[in-house]
Structures are given as C-alpha cells and as structure tokens.
Protein backbone atom coordinates (compact mmCIF):
# COMPACT_ATOMS: atom_id res chain seq x y z
CA MET A 1 -130.48 30.68 57.20
CA LEU A 2 -127.14 32.42 57.42
CA GLY A 3 -128.78 35.42 59.08
CA THR A 4 -130.37 33.23 61.74
CA THR A 5 -127.11 31.35 62.28
CA PHE A 6 -125.24 34.63 62.60
CA MET A 7 -127.68 35.94 65.23
CA LEU A 8 -127.39 32.69 67.19
CA ALA A 9 -123.60 33.05 67.11
CA ILE A 10 -123.77 36.64 68.35
CA ARG A 11 -126.17 35.65 71.10
CA SER A 12 -123.88 32.85 72.26
CA ILE A 13 -120.84 35.16 72.25
CA LEU A 14 -122.65 37.85 74.25
CA ARG A 15 -123.79 35.27 76.77
CA HIS A 16 -120.14 34.86 77.88
CA LYS A 17 -118.60 38.29 77.25
CA LEU A 18 -115.44 37.91 79.32
CA ARG A 19 -114.69 34.44 77.99
CA SER A 20 -115.28 35.62 74.44
CA PHE A 21 -112.91 38.57 74.92
CA LEU A 22 -110.18 36.40 76.39
CA THR A 23 -110.66 33.96 73.52
CA THR A 24 -110.13 36.67 70.94
CA LEU A 25 -107.16 38.21 72.79
CA GLY A 26 -104.67 36.08 70.90
CA ILE A 27 -106.15 37.19 67.57
CA ILE A 28 -106.18 40.83 68.72
CA ILE A 29 -102.51 40.75 69.72
CA GLY A 30 -101.50 38.86 66.59
CA VAL A 31 -103.29 41.14 64.14
CA ALA A 32 -102.18 44.29 65.97
CA ALA A 33 -98.55 43.16 66.07
CA VAL A 34 -98.41 42.11 62.43
CA VAL A 35 -100.12 45.23 61.07
CA ALA A 36 -98.13 47.59 63.32
CA MET A 37 -94.79 45.96 62.46
CA VAL A 38 -95.44 45.94 58.72
CA THR A 39 -96.70 49.54 58.74
CA LEU A 40 -93.80 50.84 60.83
CA GLY A 41 -91.36 48.82 58.74
CA ARG A 42 -92.74 50.35 55.57
CA ALA A 43 -92.59 53.83 57.10
CA THR A 44 -88.97 53.24 58.13
CA THR A 45 -88.09 52.11 54.61
CA VAL A 46 -89.71 55.20 53.12
CA ALA A 47 -87.87 57.43 55.61
CA ALA A 48 -84.53 55.79 54.73
CA GLN A 49 -85.21 56.23 51.02
CA GLN A 50 -86.08 59.89 51.58
CA GLN A 51 -82.86 60.41 53.52
CA VAL A 52 -80.82 58.95 50.68
CA ALA A 53 -82.83 60.87 48.09
CA ALA A 54 -82.03 64.06 50.01
CA LEU A 55 -78.38 63.39 49.23
CA GLY A 56 -79.29 63.60 45.57
CA THR A 57 -79.64 61.10 42.75
CA ASN A 58 -76.92 60.03 40.33
CA ILE A 59 -74.21 60.87 42.86
CA LEU A 60 -71.03 58.95 43.59
CA GLN A 61 -69.20 59.34 46.90
CA VAL A 62 -65.45 58.78 46.60
CA ARG A 63 -63.47 58.32 49.84
CA PRO A 64 -59.96 57.19 50.76
CA GLY A 65 -59.77 53.69 52.25
CA GLN A 66 -61.62 50.45 51.48
CA GLY A 67 -64.77 51.40 53.41
CA PHE A 68 -66.22 54.19 55.51
CA GLY A 69 -63.39 53.60 57.98
CA ARG A 70 -59.69 53.02 57.45
CA GLY A 71 -60.24 49.41 56.45
CA GLY A 72 -57.75 46.92 57.84
CA GLY A 73 -54.86 47.46 60.23
CA GLY A 74 -52.38 49.05 57.82
CA PRO A 75 -51.41 52.68 57.44
CA ARG A 76 -54.10 55.17 56.64
CA PRO A 77 -54.50 55.70 52.88
CA PRO A 78 -53.58 59.20 51.73
CA ASP A 79 -56.35 61.73 51.26
CA PHE A 80 -57.17 63.24 47.89
CA LYS A 81 -55.69 66.46 46.57
CA GLN A 82 -57.32 69.19 44.52
CA GLU A 83 -55.45 67.84 41.49
CA ASP A 84 -57.31 64.54 41.88
CA VAL A 85 -60.62 66.41 41.87
CA ASP A 86 -59.64 68.33 38.75
CA ALA A 87 -58.50 65.12 37.00
CA VAL A 88 -61.82 63.35 37.66
CA ALA A 89 -63.82 66.35 36.48
CA ARG A 90 -61.69 66.77 33.37
CA GLN A 91 -60.94 63.21 32.26
CA VAL A 92 -64.06 61.16 33.09
CA ALA A 93 -66.91 61.28 30.59
CA GLY A 94 -70.40 61.61 32.10
CA VAL A 95 -69.29 63.62 35.14
CA THR A 96 -71.32 66.82 35.49
CA ALA A 97 -69.47 68.25 38.51
CA VAL A 98 -67.11 67.22 41.30
CA ALA A 99 -67.43 68.74 44.77
CA PRO A 100 -64.42 68.29 47.09
CA GLN A 101 -65.08 68.33 50.82
CA ALA A 102 -62.92 69.00 53.85
CA GLN A 103 -64.64 68.72 57.21
CA SER A 104 -64.00 69.92 60.73
CA THR A 105 -66.02 70.78 63.81
CA GLY A 106 -66.37 74.04 65.65
CA THR A 107 -68.51 76.20 67.89
CA ALA A 108 -70.47 78.97 66.19
CA ILE A 109 -71.21 82.06 68.29
CA TYR A 110 -73.59 84.93 67.66
CA GLN A 111 -74.53 87.55 70.27
CA GLY A 112 -74.16 85.26 73.25
CA ALA A 113 -75.74 82.21 71.61
CA ASN A 114 -73.41 79.33 70.71
CA TRP A 115 -73.82 76.03 68.93
CA SER A 116 -71.39 73.17 68.19
CA THR A 117 -71.67 72.14 64.57
CA THR A 118 -69.94 70.59 61.56
CA ILE A 119 -67.84 72.79 59.30
CA ASN A 120 -68.01 71.63 55.69
CA GLY A 121 -65.52 73.14 53.26
CA THR A 122 -66.50 72.80 49.61
CA THR A 123 -67.16 74.69 46.38
CA ASN A 124 -70.24 75.76 44.45
CA ALA A 125 -70.04 72.39 42.69
CA PHE A 126 -71.57 71.01 45.91
CA PHE A 127 -74.86 72.69 45.02
CA GLN A 128 -74.64 71.46 41.41
CA VAL A 129 -74.09 67.84 42.40
CA GLN A 130 -76.98 67.60 44.87
CA PRO A 131 -80.13 69.70 45.10
CA TRP A 132 -80.15 71.75 48.28
CA PRO A 133 -81.92 75.07 47.66
CA LEU A 134 -81.40 78.16 49.77
CA VAL A 135 -84.27 79.88 51.56
CA SER A 136 -82.40 83.17 51.49
CA GLY A 137 -79.08 84.62 50.38
CA ARG A 138 -76.72 83.23 47.77
CA THR A 139 -73.92 80.76 47.18
CA PHE A 140 -70.20 81.60 46.91
CA SER A 141 -68.90 83.95 44.24
CA ARG A 142 -65.98 82.88 42.09
CA GLN A 143 -63.73 85.35 43.87
CA GLU A 144 -64.77 84.04 47.31
CA GLU A 145 -63.94 80.49 46.24
CA LEU A 146 -60.53 81.31 44.78
CA ALA A 147 -59.47 83.52 47.70
CA GLY A 148 -61.02 81.34 50.39
CA LYS A 149 -62.93 84.23 51.90
CA ALA A 150 -64.46 83.96 55.39
CA VAL A 151 -68.06 83.61 54.24
CA CYS A 152 -70.51 80.86 55.10
CA ILE A 153 -73.88 79.32 54.34
CA ILE A 154 -75.64 77.87 57.40
CA GLY A 155 -78.08 75.00 57.83
CA ASN A 156 -81.48 75.35 59.41
CA THR A 157 -80.42 73.84 62.76
CA VAL A 158 -77.60 76.33 63.13
CA ARG A 159 -79.87 79.20 62.09
CA THR A 160 -82.53 78.13 64.61
CA ASN A 161 -80.10 77.90 67.52
CA LEU A 162 -78.11 81.04 66.78
CA PHE A 163 -80.78 83.32 65.33
CA ARG A 164 -83.91 81.73 66.88
CA GLY A 165 -85.20 81.12 63.36
CA GLY A 166 -84.85 84.77 62.36
CA GLU A 167 -83.02 86.29 59.40
CA ALA A 168 -79.35 85.30 59.38
CA VAL A 169 -78.11 86.58 56.01
CA GLY A 170 -75.92 89.62 56.49
CA ALA A 171 -74.97 88.77 60.08
CA ARG A 172 -71.43 87.98 61.21
CA ILE A 173 -70.79 84.92 63.36
CA ARG A 174 -67.63 83.56 64.92
CA ILE A 175 -66.51 79.97 64.51
CA ASN A 176 -63.60 78.89 66.69
CA GLY A 177 -62.60 82.52 66.97
CA ILE A 178 -62.78 83.20 63.22
CA SER A 179 -65.24 85.82 61.97
CA CYS A 180 -67.51 84.69 59.15
CA ASP A 181 -70.12 86.61 57.16
CA VAL A 182 -73.36 84.67 56.63
CA ILE A 183 -74.27 84.94 52.93
CA GLY A 184 -76.95 82.22 52.72
CA ALA A 185 -79.35 80.00 54.64
CA LEU A 186 -80.15 76.45 53.52
CA SER A 187 -83.59 74.87 53.35
CA THR A 188 -84.50 72.07 55.75
CA ARG A 189 -83.47 68.52 54.98
CA GLY A 190 -84.37 66.87 58.27
CA GLN A 191 -82.65 64.10 60.14
CA GLY A 192 -82.67 60.34 60.24
CA GLY A 193 -80.18 57.52 59.81
CA PHE A 194 -77.55 60.00 58.57
CA GLY A 195 -77.89 62.35 61.54
CA ASP A 196 -79.06 65.95 61.43
CA GLN A 197 -78.17 67.09 57.94
CA ASP A 198 -79.20 70.66 58.78
CA ASP A 199 -76.55 70.96 61.50
CA VAL A 200 -73.83 72.29 59.19
CA VAL A 201 -71.94 75.42 58.22
CA ILE A 202 -70.67 75.43 54.63
CA MET A 203 -67.61 77.53 53.80
CA PRO A 204 -65.19 77.80 50.87
CA ILE A 205 -62.87 74.81 51.03
CA LYS A 206 -59.70 76.91 50.99
CA GLN A 207 -60.87 78.78 54.09
CA VAL A 208 -61.57 75.51 55.92
CA GLN A 209 -58.24 74.00 54.86
CA ARG A 210 -56.31 77.12 55.87
CA ARG A 211 -58.01 77.96 59.17
CA PHE A 212 -59.56 74.70 60.45
CA THR A 213 -57.84 71.56 59.13
CA GLY A 214 -54.40 73.05 58.52
CA ASN A 215 -53.78 71.03 55.35
CA ARG A 216 -54.92 70.73 51.73
CA ASP A 217 -56.31 67.21 52.13
CA ILE A 218 -59.73 66.27 50.76
CA ARG A 219 -61.56 63.47 52.57
CA LEU A 220 -64.52 63.17 50.22
CA MET A 221 -65.45 63.83 46.62
CA LEU A 222 -69.08 64.08 45.56
CA VAL A 223 -69.30 63.26 41.86
CA GLY A 224 -72.42 64.15 39.88
CA VAL A 225 -73.21 61.76 37.01
CA ASP A 226 -75.14 62.61 33.87
CA PRO A 227 -78.35 60.46 33.92
CA SER A 228 -77.78 59.49 30.29
CA TYR A 229 -74.52 57.70 31.23
CA ASP A 230 -74.14 54.28 32.80
CA THR A 231 -73.19 54.83 36.43
CA ALA A 232 -71.18 51.61 36.57
CA GLN A 233 -69.09 52.70 33.59
CA VAL A 234 -68.47 56.12 35.16
CA GLN A 235 -67.37 54.40 38.38
CA GLU A 236 -64.90 52.28 36.43
CA SER A 237 -63.50 55.35 34.67
CA ILE A 238 -63.05 57.19 38.00
CA LYS A 239 -61.35 54.10 39.38
CA GLN A 240 -58.86 54.02 36.52
CA VAL A 241 -58.04 57.72 36.83
CA LEU A 242 -57.48 57.53 40.60
CA ARG A 243 -55.43 54.32 40.41
CA GLU A 244 -53.16 55.99 37.91
CA ARG A 245 -52.81 59.17 39.96
CA ARG A 246 -52.24 57.28 43.22
CA ARG A 247 -49.73 54.96 41.51
CA ILE A 248 -51.51 51.72 42.40
CA ALA A 249 -49.93 48.76 40.59
CA GLY A 250 -52.08 46.34 38.64
CA GLY A 251 -52.17 43.60 41.30
CA LYS A 252 -52.84 45.83 44.29
CA GLU A 253 -56.25 46.65 45.73
CA ASP A 254 -57.71 50.13 45.56
CA ASP A 255 -56.93 52.38 48.51
CA PHE A 256 -60.17 54.27 47.91
CA ASN A 257 -63.83 53.35 47.58
CA ILE A 258 -66.71 54.56 45.45
CA PHE A 259 -70.29 54.44 46.73
CA ASP A 260 -73.36 54.98 44.61
CA THR A 261 -76.24 56.62 46.49
CA ALA A 262 -78.63 54.33 44.60
CA GLN A 263 -76.77 51.31 46.00
CA ILE A 264 -77.00 52.77 49.50
CA SER A 265 -80.76 53.18 49.05
CA GLN A 266 -81.13 49.59 47.83
CA ALA A 267 -79.06 48.27 50.74
CA LEU A 268 -81.08 50.21 53.31
CA THR A 269 -84.34 49.09 51.73
CA GLY A 270 -83.17 45.47 51.73
CA VAL A 271 -82.14 45.58 55.40
CA THR A 272 -85.34 47.25 56.62
CA THR A 273 -87.48 44.90 54.54
CA LEU A 274 -85.69 41.83 55.92
CA LEU A 275 -86.01 43.03 59.50
CA THR A 276 -89.70 43.79 58.94
CA GLN A 277 -90.28 40.31 57.56
CA ILE A 278 -88.51 38.66 60.50
CA VAL A 279 -90.40 40.67 63.11
CA THR A 280 -93.68 40.10 61.26
CA ALA A 281 -93.07 36.34 61.14
CA VAL A 282 -92.46 36.30 64.89
CA ALA A 283 -95.59 38.40 65.51
CA ALA A 284 -97.64 36.10 63.26
CA ILE A 285 -97.02 33.23 65.69
CA SER A 286 -99.46 34.87 68.08
CA LEU A 287 -102.14 34.51 65.39
CA VAL A 288 -101.65 30.75 65.46
CA VAL A 289 -101.76 30.81 69.25
CA GLY A 290 -104.99 32.79 69.05
CA GLY A 291 -106.45 30.21 66.68
CA ILE A 292 -105.56 27.42 69.09
CA GLY A 293 -107.29 29.39 71.85
CA ILE A 294 -110.44 29.67 69.74
CA MET A 295 -110.42 25.92 69.03
CA ASN A 296 -109.95 25.14 72.73
CA ILE A 297 -112.84 27.36 73.83
CA MET A 298 -115.09 26.03 71.08
CA LEU A 299 -114.40 22.47 72.21
CA VAL A 300 -115.35 23.48 75.75
CA SER A 301 -118.49 25.13 74.36
CA VAL A 302 -119.44 21.94 72.50
CA THR A 303 -119.07 19.97 75.74
CA GLU A 304 -121.14 22.49 77.71
CA ARG A 305 -123.89 22.58 75.09
CA THR A 306 -124.04 18.88 74.28
CA ARG A 307 -127.63 18.54 75.59
CA GLU A 308 -128.67 21.64 73.59
CA ILE A 309 -127.17 20.10 70.47
CA GLY A 310 -129.01 16.85 71.15
CA ILE A 311 -132.34 18.68 71.44
CA ARG A 312 -131.75 20.53 68.14
CA LEU A 313 -130.90 17.30 66.36
CA ALA A 314 -133.87 15.51 67.92
CA ILE A 315 -136.42 18.11 66.71
CA GLY A 316 -135.21 18.02 63.13
CA ALA A 317 -132.01 20.05 62.77
CA VAL A 318 -129.55 18.48 60.36
CA ALA A 319 -125.84 18.03 61.08
CA SER A 320 -124.82 20.71 58.55
CA GLU A 321 -126.87 23.34 60.43
CA VAL A 322 -125.18 22.48 63.73
CA LEU A 323 -121.79 22.56 62.02
CA MET A 324 -122.59 25.94 60.47
CA GLN A 325 -123.69 27.38 63.83
CA PHE A 326 -120.48 26.50 65.67
CA LEU A 327 -118.31 27.40 62.67
CA MET A 328 -120.08 30.77 62.51
CA GLU A 329 -119.32 31.38 66.20
CA ALA A 330 -115.64 30.69 65.63
CA VAL A 331 -115.49 32.95 62.56
CA VAL A 332 -117.34 35.78 64.32
CA LEU A 333 -114.99 35.53 67.30
CA SER A 334 -111.90 35.68 65.10
CA CYS A 335 -113.31 38.50 62.95
CA LEU A 336 -114.14 40.56 66.03
CA GLY A 337 -110.60 39.96 67.24
CA GLY A 338 -109.29 41.02 63.82
CA ILE A 339 -111.28 44.28 63.83
CA ILE A 340 -110.18 45.17 67.36
CA GLY A 341 -106.60 44.25 66.41
CA LEU A 342 -106.68 46.61 63.43
CA VAL A 343 -107.84 49.47 65.65
CA VAL A 344 -105.13 48.71 68.23
CA ALA A 345 -102.52 48.56 65.45
CA GLN A 346 -103.41 52.05 64.21
CA LEU A 347 -103.20 53.42 67.76
CA VAL A 348 -99.76 51.82 68.17
CA VAL A 349 -98.55 53.29 64.87
CA VAL A 350 -99.87 56.76 65.76
CA ILE A 351 -97.97 56.62 69.07
CA LEU A 352 -94.71 55.07 67.83
CA ALA A 353 -94.32 56.87 64.49
CA PRO A 354 -93.35 60.26 66.03
CA LEU A 355 -91.01 58.52 68.50
CA MET A 356 -89.27 56.73 65.61
CA GLN A 357 -89.20 59.97 63.60
CA VAL A 358 -91.08 58.41 60.71
CA GLN A 359 -94.26 59.53 59.00
CA TRP A 360 -97.58 57.95 59.94
CA MET A 361 -99.00 56.03 57.03
CA PHE A 362 -101.97 53.76 56.41
CA GLU A 363 -101.43 50.54 54.48
CA PRO A 364 -104.83 49.33 53.16
CA GLN A 365 -103.41 46.12 51.71
CA ILE A 366 -101.88 44.76 54.92
CA ASN A 367 -105.01 45.70 56.89
CA VAL A 368 -107.27 43.80 54.49
CA ILE A 369 -104.93 40.81 54.42
CA ALA A 370 -104.68 40.73 58.23
CA PHE A 371 -108.48 40.78 58.56
CA LEU A 372 -108.92 38.01 55.99
CA VAL A 373 -106.27 35.92 57.74
CA SER A 374 -108.07 36.35 61.05
CA ALA A 375 -111.30 35.15 59.42
CA LEU A 376 -109.45 32.20 57.87
CA ILE A 377 -108.07 31.26 61.27
CA GLY A 378 -111.64 31.14 62.59
CA VAL A 379 -112.60 28.75 59.78
CA VAL A 380 -109.53 26.53 60.17
CA PHE A 381 -109.47 26.27 63.94
CA GLY A 382 -113.25 26.32 64.34
CA TYR A 383 -113.94 23.51 61.89
CA PHE A 384 -112.83 20.65 64.16
CA PRO A 385 -115.05 21.67 67.13
CA ALA A 386 -117.96 22.36 64.73
CA ARG A 387 -117.47 18.97 63.07
CA ARG A 388 -117.41 17.33 66.47
CA ALA A 389 -120.68 19.06 67.46
CA ALA A 390 -122.35 18.05 64.18
CA GLY A 391 -121.24 14.43 64.61
CA LEU A 392 -122.88 13.92 68.02
CA ASN A 393 -125.46 11.17 68.34
CA PRO A 394 -128.81 12.75 69.34
CA ILE A 395 -129.59 9.98 71.88
CA ASP A 396 -126.17 10.21 73.57
CA ALA A 397 -126.36 14.01 73.54
CA LEU A 398 -129.77 14.00 75.26
CA ARG A 399 -128.42 11.68 77.96
CA HIS A 400 -125.44 13.99 78.62
CA GLU A 401 -125.44 15.72 82.03
C-alpha cells in the first residue's frame, strides 16, 4: 500500500514540475542556510581553537595595563623590566620558563627584495614556552643572547618574500639599516584571527632594545606553566610577585593583566558558538516559511482534485487511504527539498570555506538532523490539507466543478 501511495505521490508531483519546485524552494533555502551556517560556524570555531593552540598550551600572557589596551584614561602603566621577568621565573612555583618580549616594526631587505614585518625581541625561553619548531638552522646561543648579537630567526612569510621560499640560513639581511645574520627559519603557523603569525623576525631582546626600541622596557611576558600545577594558583602567585615589585598598595587595582590561553580559547569558542546559533535560528525561520508554502499548495491541490477524491471515495477508498496519499505528497515534497538543500549547502561551504580561510568539513549529524526536520515539516504542515481531503463527503465531492 505504501509503495502504491508513494508512486501516486511522485506522479502527482511530476505532473506539476514547476509548481512542485517552487513549493519546495522554501525548504531548500531553509535546509541549505541552516546546514551551511552550522558547518561554517563549526569550521570557524575549529580554526579559532587551532590559532590559540598554535600559541601553545599552559601559557600565561602578562601585559602592563588592565586589558590589551591602556585601560582607562589615566597615565600609561609602566612596562616590565628584566628584573620582573627574573623574579617571576625564580619565585613562582610551577613556572617552567618566562620569555620577555620587546616588539618593533621594520623593513627587511635582501638583494633588492624588501618586506615590512614585525621585529620580536626575546630569548630562547620563547621556544621553551611555546612549541614553534624550526625547519632549518638553530636558535640563539647563550653568548648571542647575553651580548645581544645581530642575529635573527625569520618566519615563513618573511622567508617567502625575501628569499622566494629558498634557503635563508646563512644569509645576511638588513632591517632598518642594521645588518642581521639569519641563523634559523621557523615552520609555518598560518594566519587567522591573530593575523599572520609567520610575518615575524625574532632577534635577541637586547639587540631589539638597543637598536630598535631604544629602551629596556618589556611589553609582554610569556609564562610557561607546568601541567601538573593549577594554572589559577600560578596566576595568583605571579600577581602577588608583580604587585610587590610594582609597589601596588593593598586597596589599589592591578596595573597589569594576566591572560590564560585556555581562557582565550574558551571565550572564542563561546562567541563563535553563540553567533552560529543566532544565525542558524534566523535561517531556520525559512524552514517554517517553506512548510507554510507546502500547506498552501496542498490545500490548493485538494481543491483542484476534489472531484478525483470524490470518485476514489465512491468506488471504495477509505478516508485513511486518501489522507495517506496527500500526506505522502507533502512528505515527498519536503524530503526532495531537504535533499536538494543539503547539496546546495555543501556547494556553499566548498565556495565560502576558502574565502573565510577555514577548512572545509562535513558534519554528518547536522545533515541528518536537517533532513529529518524537513521530513517532519512535511508531516506537520501536510497533515491539515490531507485531513481536509480525507474528510470530504463523496456526494459533495462528485458534485464539485
């Protein structure tokens, strides 16, 4: 019986191809929008998590000020000194390494090629705190760190633009007129919400302070935390040490801030998830609109086929069979719309994923759920027209013109 009913539904749908397509258009748009938004939202979340993970796990970022900016309208909080870095590394339990950073910008030049980039002054502790392997060369020697020698390790973006992707180790480049021997080349980290992380030149911090910034200030400390220690407790210990060194009285607020990379990852995940849910909820409205369109067309179909229904009832068909036929048409329409919507969604994701610089991914769960919802919409919005068709009086239906 179901097979016969299904064939009758297909035959009725094919009889009015254009009308059937327009009827399912709402379902197609709704399913495609929901699946595409959820998939792209998930891909964006994964990309954000990968960007944070590239910074390393169990890392604390310590900066002057009450946020990433100055925070408030008062005077700028003082930067850190090397003594602050040494105190944190020496006095706080659970700290594996502390990497000071002093940053500047400059133009790197090599044999006629030039590239504007970020100059990051730090120590070898930078490579202990966060994993960033080299593809060639080496890190700084102890002597190069202490003397602040003019040596550098370059990121992949700088290497590509200056050396066209060729071997850079052993070459000498100039940065703002200062000669620098390339001793290492970093592996690729990629880019995303934090910008191009490969667009960097890393030099000994004393060289950067002496030749680029002109002072001994440190704008950032990267603190590596032993996984066996409680990160919150380590943060509190760092806070106490810095408050004491910066002579902050008990009632005053900190003039520095400590960020945990894990907290940044959680915040980014929360924001992207919320935005995905909001956009998905808006897109889901089109599914309801599509269901209303199906109900409207099915009601028109019942009116057009009233005499046909009367004939079926008069020759022995029961009301449940008529109800099943029209309900089957509604479900088939919505399911066809769901299948086409899934295909459209994948095409949209394939096109938009590279533009958004996220990885294409297939989410089986959301695809199955979207298809089942489309089928459910056919049942819900097709039931009323089907019930109306099944409730027709055979005599009145036969008299209908």
